[in-house]
Amino acid sequence: MPNEPPTVSDYEEMAEVDFDFSDDELDRETLNARLAEMFDN
């Protein structure tokens, strides 16, 4: 079973930060999907 791609939460935990999604330009779900695409290969 392949490793799961990283998520926004993984990066927040690793860097001890919280990303601000209040401007609605990009939401957590969309960013997680883009991360999954990048790490799919």
N, C-alpha and C. Protein backbone atom coordinates (compact mmCIF):
# COMPACT_ATOMS: atom_id res chain seq x y z
N MET A 1 0.86 -1.18 0.00
CA MET A 1 0.00 0.00 0.00
C MET A 1 0.90 1.24 0.00
N PRO A 2 0.71 2.14 -0.96
CA PRO A 2 1.56 3.33 -1.04
C PRO A 2 1.31 4.29 0.11
N ASN A 3 2.30 5.11 0.37
CA ASN A 3 2.16 6.13 1.42
C ASN A 3 1.11 7.15 1.01
N GLU A 4 0.41 7.67 1.98
CA GLU A 4 -0.58 8.71 1.73
C GLU A 4 0.15 10.02 1.43
N PRO A 5 -0.40 10.83 0.52
CA PRO A 5 0.23 12.12 0.25
C PRO A 5 0.09 13.04 1.46
N PRO A 6 0.99 14.00 1.60
CA PRO A 6 0.89 14.94 2.72
C PRO A 6 -0.35 15.81 2.57
N THR A 7 -0.84 16.29 3.69
CA THR A 7 -2.00 17.18 3.69
C THR A 7 -1.61 18.52 4.30
N VAL A 8 -2.48 19.49 4.16
CA VAL A 8 -2.25 20.80 4.76
C VAL A 8 -2.04 20.63 6.26
N SER A 9 -2.82 19.78 6.88
CA SER A 9 -2.69 19.56 8.33
C SER A 9 -1.30 19.02 8.68
N ASP A 10 -0.76 18.15 7.82
CA ASP A 10 0.59 17.63 8.06
C ASP A 10 1.61 18.77 8.08
N TYR A 11 1.49 19.67 7.10
CA TYR A 11 2.43 20.80 7.04
C TYR A 11 2.23 21.75 8.22
N GLU A 12 0.98 21.97 8.61
CA GLU A 12 0.71 22.84 9.76
C GLU A 12 1.33 22.25 11.03
N GLU A 13 1.17 20.95 11.20
CA GLU A 13 1.71 20.29 12.39
C GLU A 13 3.23 20.33 12.39
N MET A 14 3.84 20.05 11.23
CA MET A 14 5.29 20.02 11.13
C MET A 14 5.89 21.40 11.39
N ALA A 15 5.26 22.44 10.87
CA ALA A 15 5.80 23.80 11.00
C ALA A 15 5.23 24.54 12.21
N GLU A 16 4.29 23.91 12.90
CA GLU A 16 3.62 24.52 14.05
C GLU A 16 3.00 25.87 13.69
N VAL A 17 2.27 25.87 12.57
CA VAL A 17 1.56 27.06 12.10
C VAL A 17 0.14 26.67 11.70
N ASP A 18 -0.70 27.67 11.54
CA ASP A 18 -2.04 27.47 11.00
C ASP A 18 -2.16 28.33 9.75
N PHE A 19 -2.47 27.71 8.62
CA PHE A 19 -2.65 28.46 7.40
C PHE A 19 -3.97 29.21 7.44
N ASP A 20 -3.98 30.41 6.89
CA ASP A 20 -5.17 31.27 6.87
C ASP A 20 -5.91 31.08 5.56
N PHE A 21 -7.10 30.52 5.62
CA PHE A 21 -7.93 30.31 4.43
C PHE A 21 -9.11 31.26 4.41
N SER A 22 -9.00 32.39 5.09
CA SER A 22 -10.14 33.31 5.24
C SER A 22 -10.45 34.11 3.98
N ASP A 23 -9.53 34.19 3.03
CA ASP A 23 -9.80 35.00 1.83
C ASP A 23 -10.59 34.23 0.77
N ASP A 24 -10.86 32.96 0.99
CA ASP A 24 -11.66 32.12 0.10
C ASP A 24 -11.04 31.89 -1.27
N GLU A 25 -9.81 32.34 -1.49
CA GLU A 25 -9.16 32.10 -2.78
C GLU A 25 -8.84 30.62 -2.95
N LEU A 26 -8.44 29.98 -1.87
CA LEU A 26 -8.08 28.57 -1.89
C LEU A 26 -8.51 27.97 -0.56
N ASP A 27 -9.23 26.87 -0.61
CA ASP A 27 -9.66 26.25 0.64
C ASP A 27 -8.82 25.01 0.93
N ARG A 28 -8.93 24.54 2.13
CA ARG A 28 -8.15 23.40 2.61
C ARG A 28 -8.38 22.16 1.74
N GLU A 29 -9.61 21.90 1.37
CA GLU A 29 -9.94 20.71 0.57
C GLU A 29 -9.28 20.77 -0.81
N THR A 30 -9.33 21.95 -1.44
CA THR A 30 -8.72 22.11 -2.76
C THR A 30 -7.21 21.95 -2.67
N LEU A 31 -6.61 22.54 -1.65
CA LEU A 31 -5.17 22.43 -1.50
C LEU A 31 -4.76 20.98 -1.22
N ASN A 32 -5.52 20.26 -0.42
CA ASN A 32 -5.22 18.85 -0.17
C ASN A 32 -5.30 18.06 -1.47
N ALA A 33 -6.28 18.36 -2.32
CA ALA A 33 -6.41 17.67 -3.61
C ALA A 33 -5.20 17.96 -4.50
N ARG A 34 -4.74 19.19 -4.50
CA ARG A 34 -3.56 19.55 -5.31
C ARG A 34 -2.30 18.87 -4.78
N LEU A 35 -2.17 18.78 -3.47
CA LEU A 35 -1.03 18.06 -2.89
C LEU A 35 -1.07 16.59 -3.30
N ALA A 36 -2.25 15.99 -3.26
CA ALA A 36 -2.40 14.59 -3.65
C ALA A 36 -2.00 14.39 -5.11
N GLU A 37 -2.37 15.32 -5.98
CA GLU A 37 -1.98 15.23 -7.40
C GLU A 37 -0.46 15.30 -7.54
N MET A 38 0.15 16.20 -6.81
CA MET A 38 1.60 16.38 -6.91
C MET A 38 2.36 15.14 -6.44
N PHE A 39 1.86 14.48 -5.41
CA PHE A 39 2.55 13.34 -4.83
C PHE A 39 2.01 12.01 -5.34
N ASP A 40 1.13 12.06 -6.34
CA ASP A 40 0.49 10.85 -6.87
C ASP A 40 1.49 9.93 -7.57
N ASN A 41 2.49 10.49 -8.15
CA ASN A 41 3.44 9.68 -8.93
C ASN A 41 4.49 9.12 -8.06
